Amino acid sequence: MTAPSTLRPLLTGGDRRDIAQASKALAIVKQNPALVAEVAALTKDADWLVVQRAFDLLEKLAHEHPDWIEPHKLVFIGKHALSDRWEIRLQIVRALPLFKWTAAQRKRVEEILLDGVKFPQTFVRAWSLDSLATLATQDAKLLPTVRRQLALFARSESKALQARAKAIRERLASA
């Protein structure tokens, strides 16, 4: 097994717009899924860029292999879930609907997403509502909240939020 120190260097350096060598790290983990535990551990790193890139890797992997991430899914509802770093929050809110949660965990997931729809950064707001709408297809009690937020997004000055609202409405109508 590769030592944890072999993935971390691939996720360091650059700035918030740079992904370092995250694509190389992703390829390595895809070849050796046992390394997912190391990626999850890197969400506790002291360097916030490493944390962000680790969440990015976990979110990407969760779309393709949710079973690989399932044992580590609690990192998505942990201390970083309400981070002031939008780059971290974005990865988290996009991953949340990909997993099955216990009732208590589900409550936390909903809190994170409801907080996210009020976040100042547009991408976080849009993806939080998108994820909340995905959860609402499984839990109708969330639909009134989603509809209220959709109305707010539709009236927003942000074209991105208007477009997201329209896409979510269409998706919900066809569900």
N, C-alpha and C. Protein backbone atom coordinates (compact mmCIF):
# COMPACT_ATOMS: atom_id res chain seq x y z
N MET A 1 0.85 -1.19 0.00
CA MET A 1 0.00 0.00 0.00
C MET A 1 0.88 1.24 0.00
N THR A 2 0.45 2.27 -0.70
CA THR A 2 1.18 3.51 -0.79
C THR A 2 1.07 4.27 0.53
N ALA A 3 2.15 4.83 0.98
CA ALA A 3 2.15 5.61 2.22
C ALA A 3 1.33 6.88 2.03
N PRO A 4 0.68 7.37 3.11
CA PRO A 4 -0.13 8.57 2.98
C PRO A 4 0.63 9.75 2.38
N SER A 5 1.91 9.81 2.63
CA SER A 5 2.69 10.95 2.14
C SER A 5 2.81 10.97 0.62
N THR A 6 2.43 9.90 -0.06
CA THR A 6 2.54 9.92 -1.52
C THR A 6 1.38 10.67 -2.17
N LEU A 7 0.22 10.74 -1.54
CA LEU A 7 -0.89 11.50 -2.11
C LEU A 7 -0.84 12.98 -1.75
N ARG A 8 -0.47 13.29 -0.52
CA ARG A 8 -0.48 14.68 -0.07
C ARG A 8 0.36 15.59 -0.97
N PRO A 9 1.57 15.21 -1.35
CA PRO A 9 2.35 16.11 -2.21
C PRO A 9 1.66 16.43 -3.54
N LEU A 10 0.80 15.55 -4.00
CA LEU A 10 0.08 15.79 -5.24
C LEU A 10 -1.02 16.84 -5.07
N LEU A 11 -1.39 17.11 -3.83
CA LEU A 11 -2.49 18.04 -3.55
C LEU A 11 -2.00 19.36 -2.97
N THR A 12 -0.70 19.58 -2.93
CA THR A 12 -0.15 20.80 -2.36
C THR A 12 0.32 21.75 -3.45
N GLY A 13 0.51 22.99 -3.04
CA GLY A 13 1.06 24.00 -3.94
C GLY A 13 0.01 24.77 -4.69
N GLY A 14 0.46 25.81 -5.35
CA GLY A 14 -0.43 26.64 -6.14
C GLY A 14 -1.32 27.50 -5.27
N ASP A 15 -2.41 27.92 -5.86
CA ASP A 15 -3.37 28.74 -5.13
C ASP A 15 -4.77 28.15 -5.30
N ARG A 16 -5.76 28.87 -4.84
CA ARG A 16 -7.13 28.35 -4.82
C ARG A 16 -7.68 28.04 -6.21
N ARG A 17 -7.12 28.64 -7.25
CA ARG A 17 -7.59 28.36 -8.62
C ARG A 17 -6.87 27.17 -9.24
N ASP A 18 -5.85 26.69 -8.57
CA ASP A 18 -4.99 25.64 -9.09
C ASP A 18 -5.38 24.30 -8.45
N ILE A 19 -5.38 23.23 -9.22
CA ILE A 19 -5.74 21.93 -8.65
C ILE A 19 -4.51 21.08 -8.32
N ALA A 20 -3.30 21.72 -8.42
CA ALA A 20 -2.05 21.00 -8.19
C ALA A 20 -2.01 19.79 -9.11
N GLN A 21 -1.74 18.62 -8.55
CA GLN A 21 -1.72 17.39 -9.35
C GLN A 21 -2.85 16.46 -8.94
N ALA A 22 -4.01 17.08 -8.67
CA ALA A 22 -5.16 16.32 -8.20
C ALA A 22 -5.61 15.27 -9.20
N SER A 23 -5.50 15.56 -10.49
CA SER A 23 -5.92 14.56 -11.48
C SER A 23 -5.02 13.33 -11.43
N LYS A 24 -3.74 13.53 -11.15
CA LYS A 24 -2.84 12.39 -10.98
C LYS A 24 -3.21 11.59 -9.72
N ALA A 25 -3.52 12.32 -8.66
CA ALA A 25 -3.94 11.65 -7.42
C ALA A 25 -5.22 10.85 -7.65
N LEU A 26 -6.15 11.42 -8.40
CA LEU A 26 -7.41 10.73 -8.71
C LEU A 26 -7.14 9.43 -9.47
N ALA A 27 -6.26 9.49 -10.43
CA ALA A 27 -5.93 8.29 -11.22
C ALA A 27 -5.29 7.22 -10.33
N ILE A 28 -4.44 7.63 -9.41
CA ILE A 28 -3.79 6.68 -8.50
C ILE A 28 -4.83 6.01 -7.61
N VAL A 29 -5.76 6.80 -7.08
CA VAL A 29 -6.79 6.24 -6.19
C VAL A 29 -7.72 5.30 -6.97
N LYS A 30 -8.04 5.66 -8.20
CA LYS A 30 -8.90 4.78 -9.00
C LYS A 30 -8.23 3.43 -9.25
N GLN A 31 -6.92 3.43 -9.32
CA GLN A 31 -6.19 2.16 -9.50
C GLN A 31 -6.07 1.40 -8.20
N ASN A 32 -6.14 2.11 -7.08
CA ASN A 32 -5.99 1.48 -5.78
C ASN A 32 -7.03 2.07 -4.81
N PRO A 33 -8.27 1.58 -4.84
CA PRO A 33 -9.34 2.14 -4.01
C PRO A 33 -9.06 2.13 -2.51
N ALA A 34 -8.13 1.32 -2.06
CA ALA A 34 -7.77 1.33 -0.63
C ALA A 34 -7.23 2.69 -0.21
N LEU A 35 -6.80 3.49 -1.17
CA LEU A 35 -6.25 4.81 -0.86
C LEU A 35 -7.33 5.84 -0.53
N VAL A 36 -8.59 5.48 -0.70
CA VAL A 36 -9.67 6.40 -0.36
C VAL A 36 -9.56 6.81 1.11
N ALA A 37 -9.18 5.89 1.96
CA ALA A 37 -9.02 6.21 3.39
C ALA A 37 -7.98 7.32 3.59
N GLU A 38 -6.94 7.30 2.80
CA GLU A 38 -5.91 8.34 2.91
C GLU A 38 -6.45 9.68 2.42
N VAL A 39 -7.23 9.65 1.37
CA VAL A 39 -7.83 10.89 0.87
C VAL A 39 -8.77 11.46 1.94
N ALA A 40 -9.57 10.59 2.54
CA ALA A 40 -10.48 11.04 3.60
C ALA A 40 -9.69 11.64 4.77
N ALA A 41 -8.57 11.04 5.10
CA ALA A 41 -7.73 11.56 6.19
C ALA A 41 -7.18 12.95 5.84
N LEU A 42 -6.94 13.19 4.57
CA LEU A 42 -6.41 14.50 4.15
C LEU A 42 -7.44 15.62 4.30
N THR A 43 -8.71 15.30 4.55
CA THR A 43 -9.70 16.35 4.82
C THR A 43 -9.46 16.97 6.19
N LYS A 44 -8.54 16.40 6.95
CA LYS A 44 -8.18 16.95 8.27
C LYS A 44 -6.82 17.65 8.23
N ASP A 45 -6.26 17.82 7.05
CA ASP A 45 -4.94 18.43 6.90
C ASP A 45 -4.94 19.87 7.38
N ALA A 46 -3.77 20.37 7.77
CA ALA A 46 -3.64 21.76 8.23
C ALA A 46 -3.71 22.76 7.07
N ASP A 47 -3.39 22.32 5.87
CA ASP A 47 -3.40 23.19 4.69
C ASP A 47 -4.79 23.14 4.06
N TRP A 48 -5.49 24.27 4.05
CA TRP A 48 -6.87 24.28 3.56
C TRP A 48 -6.95 23.90 2.08
N LEU A 49 -5.90 24.18 1.32
CA LEU A 49 -5.92 23.78 -0.09
C LEU A 49 -5.88 22.26 -0.25
N VAL A 50 -5.13 21.60 0.60
CA VAL A 50 -5.10 20.14 0.59
C VAL A 50 -6.47 19.61 0.98
N VAL A 51 -7.08 20.23 1.98
CA VAL A 51 -8.43 19.84 2.42
C VAL A 51 -9.42 19.98 1.26
N GLN A 52 -9.39 21.13 0.59
CA GLN A 52 -10.31 21.37 -0.52
C GLN A 52 -10.11 20.34 -1.63
N ARG A 53 -8.87 20.07 -1.96
CA ARG A 53 -8.59 19.12 -3.04
C ARG A 53 -8.95 17.70 -2.64
N ALA A 54 -8.79 17.38 -1.37
CA ALA A 54 -9.20 16.05 -0.88
C ALA A 54 -10.72 15.89 -1.00
N PHE A 55 -11.47 16.93 -0.61
CA PHE A 55 -12.92 16.89 -0.77
C PHE A 55 -13.30 16.79 -2.24
N ASP A 56 -12.59 17.49 -3.08
CA ASP A 56 -12.86 17.43 -4.51
C ASP A 56 -12.67 16.00 -5.03
N LEU A 57 -11.59 15.35 -4.61
CA LEU A 57 -11.36 13.96 -5.03
C LEU A 57 -12.47 13.05 -4.52
N LEU A 58 -12.83 13.20 -3.26
CA LEU A 58 -13.88 12.36 -2.68
C LEU A 58 -15.21 12.56 -3.40
N GLU A 59 -15.53 13.81 -3.71
CA GLU A 59 -16.78 14.09 -4.41
C GLU A 59 -16.77 13.48 -5.81
N LYS A 60 -15.67 13.62 -6.52
CA LYS A 60 -15.57 13.02 -7.86
C LYS A 60 -15.70 11.50 -7.79
N LEU A 61 -15.02 10.90 -6.84
CA LEU A 61 -15.09 9.45 -6.68
C LEU A 61 -16.49 9.00 -6.28
N ALA A 62 -17.17 9.81 -5.47
CA ALA A 62 -18.51 9.45 -5.00
C ALA A 62 -19.51 9.35 -6.16
N HIS A 63 -19.31 10.15 -7.18
CA HIS A 63 -20.20 10.08 -8.35
C HIS A 63 -20.01 8.76 -9.10
N GLU A 64 -18.79 8.30 -9.18
CA GLU A 64 -18.49 7.06 -9.91
C GLU A 64 -18.58 5.81 -9.04
N HIS A 65 -18.12 5.94 -7.81
CA HIS A 65 -18.02 4.78 -6.91
C HIS A 65 -18.49 5.16 -5.50
N PRO A 66 -19.78 5.43 -5.32
CA PRO A 66 -20.24 5.82 -3.99
C PRO A 66 -19.91 4.79 -2.91
N ASP A 67 -19.85 3.53 -3.31
CA ASP A 67 -19.53 2.47 -2.35
C ASP A 67 -18.11 2.63 -1.79
N TRP A 68 -17.20 3.18 -2.55
CA TRP A 68 -15.84 3.42 -2.06
C TRP A 68 -15.83 4.51 -0.98
N ILE A 69 -16.70 5.48 -1.15
CA ILE A 69 -16.70 6.65 -0.27
C ILE A 69 -17.61 6.43 0.94
N GLU A 70 -18.60 5.57 0.81
CA GLU A 70 -19.58 5.32 1.88
C GLU A 70 -18.95 5.18 3.27
N PRO A 71 -17.88 4.38 3.45
CA PRO A 71 -17.30 4.25 4.79
C PRO A 71 -16.72 5.55 5.35
N HIS A 72 -16.53 6.54 4.49
CA HIS A 72 -15.91 7.80 4.89
C HIS A 72 -16.84 9.00 4.74
N LYS A 73 -18.11 8.74 4.47
CA LYS A 73 -19.06 9.82 4.15
C LYS A 73 -19.26 10.83 5.27
N LEU A 74 -18.96 10.45 6.51
CA LEU A 74 -19.17 11.38 7.63
C LEU A 74 -18.29 12.62 7.52
N VAL A 75 -17.20 12.57 6.74
CA VAL A 75 -16.39 13.78 6.57
C VAL A 75 -17.22 14.88 5.92
N PHE A 76 -18.23 14.51 5.13
CA PHE A 76 -19.04 15.51 4.45
C PHE A 76 -20.01 16.23 5.38
N ILE A 77 -20.28 15.67 6.55
CA ILE A 77 -21.18 16.35 7.50
C ILE A 77 -20.43 16.77 8.76
N GLY A 78 -19.11 16.71 8.71
CA GLY A 78 -18.26 17.08 9.83
C GLY A 78 -18.00 18.57 9.89
N LYS A 79 -16.87 18.92 10.51
CA LYS A 79 -16.57 20.32 10.80
C LYS A 79 -16.44 21.21 9.56
N HIS A 80 -16.09 20.65 8.43
CA HIS A 80 -15.92 21.47 7.23
C HIS A 80 -17.23 21.77 6.51
N ALA A 81 -18.30 21.13 6.93
CA ALA A 81 -19.58 21.29 6.23
C ALA A 81 -20.07 22.74 6.23
N LEU A 82 -19.69 23.51 7.22
CA LEU A 82 -20.09 24.92 7.29
C LEU A 82 -18.87 25.84 7.17
N SER A 83 -17.88 25.37 6.45
CA SER A 83 -16.66 26.14 6.23
C SER A 83 -16.96 27.49 5.59
N ASP A 84 -16.14 28.48 5.91
CA ASP A 84 -16.29 29.77 5.24
C ASP A 84 -15.60 29.76 3.88
N ARG A 85 -14.92 28.68 3.55
CA ARG A 85 -14.26 28.52 2.25
C ARG A 85 -15.26 27.93 1.26
N TRP A 86 -15.66 28.72 0.29
CA TRP A 86 -16.67 28.25 -0.65
C TRP A 86 -16.18 27.06 -1.45
N GLU A 87 -14.87 26.99 -1.70
CA GLU A 87 -14.33 25.89 -2.50
C GLU A 87 -14.53 24.54 -1.80
N ILE A 88 -14.49 24.55 -0.48
CA ILE A 88 -14.72 23.34 0.31
C ILE A 88 -16.22 23.05 0.37
N ARG A 89 -17.00 24.09 0.67
CA ARG A 89 -18.45 23.91 0.77
C ARG A 89 -19.05 23.37 -0.51
N LEU A 90 -18.55 23.83 -1.65
CA LEU A 90 -19.09 23.39 -2.93
C LEU A 90 -18.97 21.88 -3.10
N GLN A 91 -17.80 21.34 -2.80
CA GLN A 91 -17.60 19.89 -2.94
C GLN A 91 -18.53 19.13 -2.00
N ILE A 92 -18.71 19.66 -0.81
CA ILE A 92 -19.54 18.99 0.19
C ILE A 92 -21.00 18.96 -0.25
N VAL A 93 -21.55 20.12 -0.63
CA VAL A 93 -22.98 20.14 -0.96
C VAL A 93 -23.28 19.31 -2.20
N ARG A 94 -22.31 19.20 -3.11
CA ARG A 94 -22.53 18.38 -4.30
C ARG A 94 -22.53 16.88 -3.97
N ALA A 95 -21.82 16.50 -2.93
CA ALA A 95 -21.72 15.08 -2.57
C ALA A 95 -22.86 14.59 -1.68
N LEU A 96 -23.44 15.46 -0.91
CA LEU A 96 -24.41 15.02 0.10
C LEU A 96 -25.56 14.14 -0.40
N PRO A 97 -26.17 14.42 -1.54
CA PRO A 97 -27.29 13.57 -1.95
C PRO A 97 -26.87 12.22 -2.53
N LEU A 98 -25.59 11.97 -2.59
CA LEU A 98 -25.11 10.72 -3.19
C LEU A 98 -25.13 9.55 -2.21
N PHE A 99 -25.45 9.83 -0.95
CA PHE A 99 -25.37 8.79 0.08
C PHE A 99 -26.69 8.59 0.79
N LYS A 100 -26.81 7.43 1.41
CA LYS A 100 -27.93 7.15 2.30
C LYS A 100 -27.49 7.57 3.70
N TRP A 101 -28.38 8.25 4.40
CA TRP A 101 -28.07 8.79 5.72
C TRP A 101 -29.07 8.27 6.74
N THR A 102 -28.61 8.14 7.99
CA THR A 102 -29.53 7.82 9.08
C THR A 102 -30.41 9.06 9.30
N ALA A 103 -31.46 8.92 10.12
CA ALA A 103 -32.36 10.05 10.38
C ALA A 103 -31.59 11.24 10.97
N ALA A 104 -30.73 10.98 11.93
CA ALA A 104 -29.96 12.07 12.56
C ALA A 104 -28.99 12.69 11.55
N GLN A 105 -28.35 11.87 10.77
CA GLN A 105 -27.42 12.37 9.75
C GLN A 105 -28.19 13.16 8.69
N ARG A 106 -29.36 12.67 8.34
CA ARG A 106 -30.18 13.34 7.32
C ARG A 106 -30.57 14.74 7.79
N LYS A 107 -30.86 14.87 9.07
CA LYS A 107 -31.19 16.19 9.63
C LYS A 107 -29.99 17.12 9.47
N ARG A 108 -28.81 16.64 9.75
CA ARG A 108 -27.58 17.43 9.59
C ARG A 108 -27.38 17.80 8.11
N VAL A 109 -27.60 16.86 7.21
CA VAL A 109 -27.47 17.11 5.78
C VAL A 109 -28.42 18.24 5.37
N GLU A 110 -29.65 18.17 5.82
CA GLU A 110 -30.62 19.21 5.48
C GLU A 110 -30.19 20.56 6.03
N GLU A 111 -29.67 20.59 7.27
CA GLU A 111 -29.18 21.84 7.86
C GLU A 111 -28.06 22.43 7.01
N ILE A 112 -27.14 21.59 6.57
CA ILE A 112 -26.01 22.04 5.76
C ILE A 112 -26.51 22.64 4.45
N LEU A 113 -27.44 21.95 3.81
CA LEU A 113 -27.96 22.44 2.53
C LEU A 113 -28.80 23.70 2.69
N LEU A 114 -29.59 23.78 3.74
CA LEU A 114 -30.38 24.99 3.98
C LEU A 114 -29.47 26.18 4.28
N ASP A 115 -28.39 25.94 4.99
CA ASP A 115 -27.41 26.99 5.23
C ASP A 115 -26.73 27.37 3.90
N GLY A 116 -26.48 26.38 3.09
CA GLY A 116 -25.82 26.62 1.81
C GLY A 116 -26.62 27.48 0.84
N VAL A 117 -27.95 27.37 0.85
CA VAL A 117 -28.74 28.18 -0.08
C VAL A 117 -28.69 29.66 0.30
N LYS A 118 -28.21 29.98 1.49
CA LYS A 118 -28.06 31.38 1.91
C LYS A 118 -26.60 31.85 1.84
N PHE A 119 -25.70 30.95 1.46
CA PHE A 119 -24.27 31.27 1.43
C PHE A 119 -24.01 32.38 0.40
N PRO A 120 -23.06 33.26 0.66
CA PRO A 120 -22.82 34.37 -0.27
C PRO A 120 -22.36 33.95 -1.68
N GLN A 121 -21.66 32.85 -1.79
CA GLN A 121 -21.10 32.44 -3.08
C GLN A 121 -22.17 31.73 -3.92
N THR A 122 -22.33 32.18 -5.15
CA THR A 122 -23.40 31.71 -6.02
C THR A 122 -23.35 30.21 -6.30
N PHE A 123 -22.16 29.66 -6.57
CA PHE A 123 -22.06 28.23 -6.86
C PHE A 123 -22.53 27.40 -5.68
N VAL A 124 -22.15 27.80 -4.49
CA VAL A 124 -22.56 27.06 -3.29
C VAL A 124 -24.08 27.14 -3.14
N ARG A 125 -24.64 28.32 -3.34
CA ARG A 125 -26.10 28.48 -3.24
C ARG A 125 -26.81 27.59 -4.25
N ALA A 126 -26.34 27.65 -5.50
CA ALA A 126 -27.00 26.89 -6.57
C ALA A 126 -26.92 25.39 -6.32
N TRP A 127 -25.75 24.90 -5.98
CA TRP A 127 -25.60 23.46 -5.77
C TRP A 127 -26.27 22.98 -4.48
N SER A 128 -26.36 23.87 -3.48
CA SER A 128 -27.08 23.50 -2.26
C SER A 128 -28.55 23.27 -2.57
N LEU A 129 -29.15 24.18 -3.35
CA LEU A 129 -30.55 23.99 -3.70
C LEU A 129 -30.73 22.78 -4.60
N ASP A 130 -29.81 22.58 -5.52
CA ASP A 130 -29.89 21.41 -6.39
C ASP A 130 -29.88 20.13 -5.56
N SER A 131 -28.99 20.05 -4.61
CA SER A 131 -28.90 18.86 -3.75
C SER A 131 -30.14 18.72 -2.87
N LEU A 132 -30.63 19.83 -2.36
CA LEU A 132 -31.85 19.79 -1.55
C LEU A 132 -33.02 19.30 -2.39
N ALA A 133 -33.10 19.74 -3.63
CA ALA A 133 -34.17 19.28 -4.52
C ALA A 133 -34.05 17.79 -4.80
N THR A 134 -32.84 17.30 -4.94
CA THR A 134 -32.63 15.86 -5.12
C THR A 134 -33.14 15.09 -3.91
N LEU A 135 -32.85 15.59 -2.72
CA LEU A 135 -33.35 14.94 -1.50
C LEU A 135 -34.87 15.03 -1.41
N ALA A 136 -35.43 16.12 -1.90
CA ALA A 136 -36.89 16.31 -1.85
C ALA A 136 -37.63 15.29 -2.70
N THR A 137 -36.97 14.73 -3.70
CA THR A 137 -37.63 13.69 -4.49
C THR A 137 -37.81 12.41 -3.68
N GLN A 138 -37.07 12.30 -2.59
CA GLN A 138 -37.19 11.14 -1.70
C GLN A 138 -37.95 11.48 -0.42
N ASP A 139 -38.10 12.77 -0.14
CA ASP A 139 -38.73 13.22 1.10
C ASP A 139 -39.58 14.45 0.79
N ALA A 140 -40.87 14.24 0.56
CA ALA A 140 -41.78 15.29 0.11
C ALA A 140 -41.88 16.46 1.09
N LYS A 141 -41.55 16.25 2.37
CA LYS A 141 -41.65 17.37 3.32
C LYS A 141 -40.67 18.49 2.99
N LEU A 142 -39.68 18.20 2.17
CA LEU A 142 -38.71 19.23 1.77
C LEU A 142 -39.20 20.06 0.58
N LEU A 143 -40.22 19.57 -0.12
CA LEU A 143 -40.69 20.26 -1.34
C LEU A 143 -41.13 21.71 -1.12
N PRO A 144 -41.88 22.03 -0.05
CA PRO A 144 -42.25 23.44 0.14
C PRO A 144 -41.03 24.36 0.30
N THR A 145 -40.04 23.89 1.01
CA THR A 145 -38.80 24.68 1.17
C THR A 145 -38.09 24.84 -0.16
N VAL A 146 -38.01 23.77 -0.92
CA VAL A 146 -37.37 23.83 -2.23
C VAL A 146 -38.13 24.80 -3.13
N ARG A 147 -39.44 24.74 -3.12
CA ARG A 147 -40.25 25.63 -3.97
C ARG A 147 -40.06 27.10 -3.59
N ARG A 148 -40.00 27.37 -2.28
CA ARG A 148 -39.76 28.76 -1.83
C ARG A 148 -38.40 29.25 -2.34
N GLN A 149 -37.39 28.40 -2.20
CA GLN A 149 -36.05 28.79 -2.65
C GLN A 149 -36.01 28.94 -4.17
N LEU A 150 -36.72 28.08 -4.88
CA LEU A 150 -36.78 28.20 -6.34
C LEU A 150 -37.36 29.55 -6.75
N ALA A 151 -38.40 29.98 -6.05
CA ALA A 151 -39.01 31.27 -6.36
C ALA A 151 -38.02 32.41 -6.12
N LEU A 152 -37.27 32.31 -5.02
CA LEU A 152 -36.26 33.34 -4.73
C LEU A 152 -35.16 33.34 -5.79
N PHE A 153 -34.71 32.16 -6.17
CA PHE A 153 -33.66 32.06 -7.19
C PHE A 153 -34.16 32.61 -8.53
N ALA A 154 -35.41 32.31 -8.87
CA ALA A 154 -35.97 32.77 -10.15
C ALA A 154 -36.03 34.29 -10.21
N ARG A 155 -36.20 34.95 -9.06
CA ARG A 155 -36.26 36.42 -9.02
C ARG A 155 -34.88 37.04 -8.77
N SER A 156 -33.87 36.23 -8.61
CA SER A 156 -32.52 36.73 -8.33
C SER A 156 -31.96 37.52 -9.51
N GLU A 157 -31.07 38.43 -9.22
CA GLU A 157 -30.36 39.14 -10.29
C GLU A 157 -29.32 38.24 -10.95
N SER A 158 -28.98 37.16 -10.29
CA SER A 158 -27.96 36.24 -10.81
C SER A 158 -28.56 35.34 -11.90
N LYS A 159 -28.00 35.43 -13.08
CA LYS A 159 -28.44 34.58 -14.20
C LYS A 159 -28.16 33.11 -13.87
N ALA A 160 -27.07 32.85 -13.16
CA ALA A 160 -26.73 31.47 -12.79
C ALA A 160 -27.79 30.87 -11.87
N LEU A 161 -28.27 31.66 -10.90
CA LEU A 161 -29.30 31.16 -9.99
C LEU A 161 -30.63 31.00 -10.72
N GLN A 162 -30.93 31.91 -11.63
CA GLN A 162 -32.16 31.77 -12.42
C GLN A 162 -32.12 30.50 -13.27
N ALA A 163 -30.97 30.25 -13.89
CA ALA A 163 -30.83 29.05 -14.73
C ALA A 163 -30.92 27.79 -13.89
N ARG A 164 -30.31 27.80 -12.72
CA ARG A 164 -30.36 26.63 -11.85
C ARG A 164 -31.80 26.38 -11.42
N ALA A 165 -32.53 27.43 -11.07
CA ALA A 165 -33.93 27.28 -10.66
C ALA A 165 -34.74 26.65 -11.78
N LYS A 166 -34.54 27.11 -12.99
CA LYS A 166 -35.28 26.56 -14.12
C LYS A 166 -34.96 25.08 -14.32
N ALA A 167 -33.67 24.72 -14.24
CA ALA A 167 -33.27 23.34 -14.41
C ALA A 167 -33.84 22.44 -13.32
N ILE A 168 -33.85 22.94 -12.10
CA ILE A 168 -34.38 22.15 -10.98
C ILE A 168 -35.89 21.97 -11.15
N ARG A 169 -36.58 23.03 -11.52
CA ARG A 169 -38.03 22.92 -11.76
C ARG A 169 -38.35 21.88 -12.81
N GLU A 170 -37.60 21.90 -13.90
CA GLU A 170 -37.82 20.92 -14.98
C GLU A 170 -37.54 19.51 -14.48
N ARG A 171 -36.50 19.34 -13.72
CA ARG A 171 -36.16 18.02 -13.19
C ARG A 171 -37.24 17.52 -12.23
N LEU A 172 -37.72 18.40 -11.37
CA LEU A 172 -38.78 18.00 -10.42
C LEU A 172 -40.08 17.68 -11.15
N ALA A 173 -40.37 18.40 -12.20
CA ALA A 173 -41.61 18.16 -12.96
C ALA A 173 -41.58 16.81 -13.65
N SER A 174 -40.42 16.36 -14.03
CA SER A 174 -40.32 15.08 -14.72
C SER A 174 -40.09 13.90 -13.77
N ALA A 175 -39.93 14.20 -12.48
CA ALA A 175 -39.67 13.12 -11.50
C ALA A 175 -40.93 12.41 -11.09
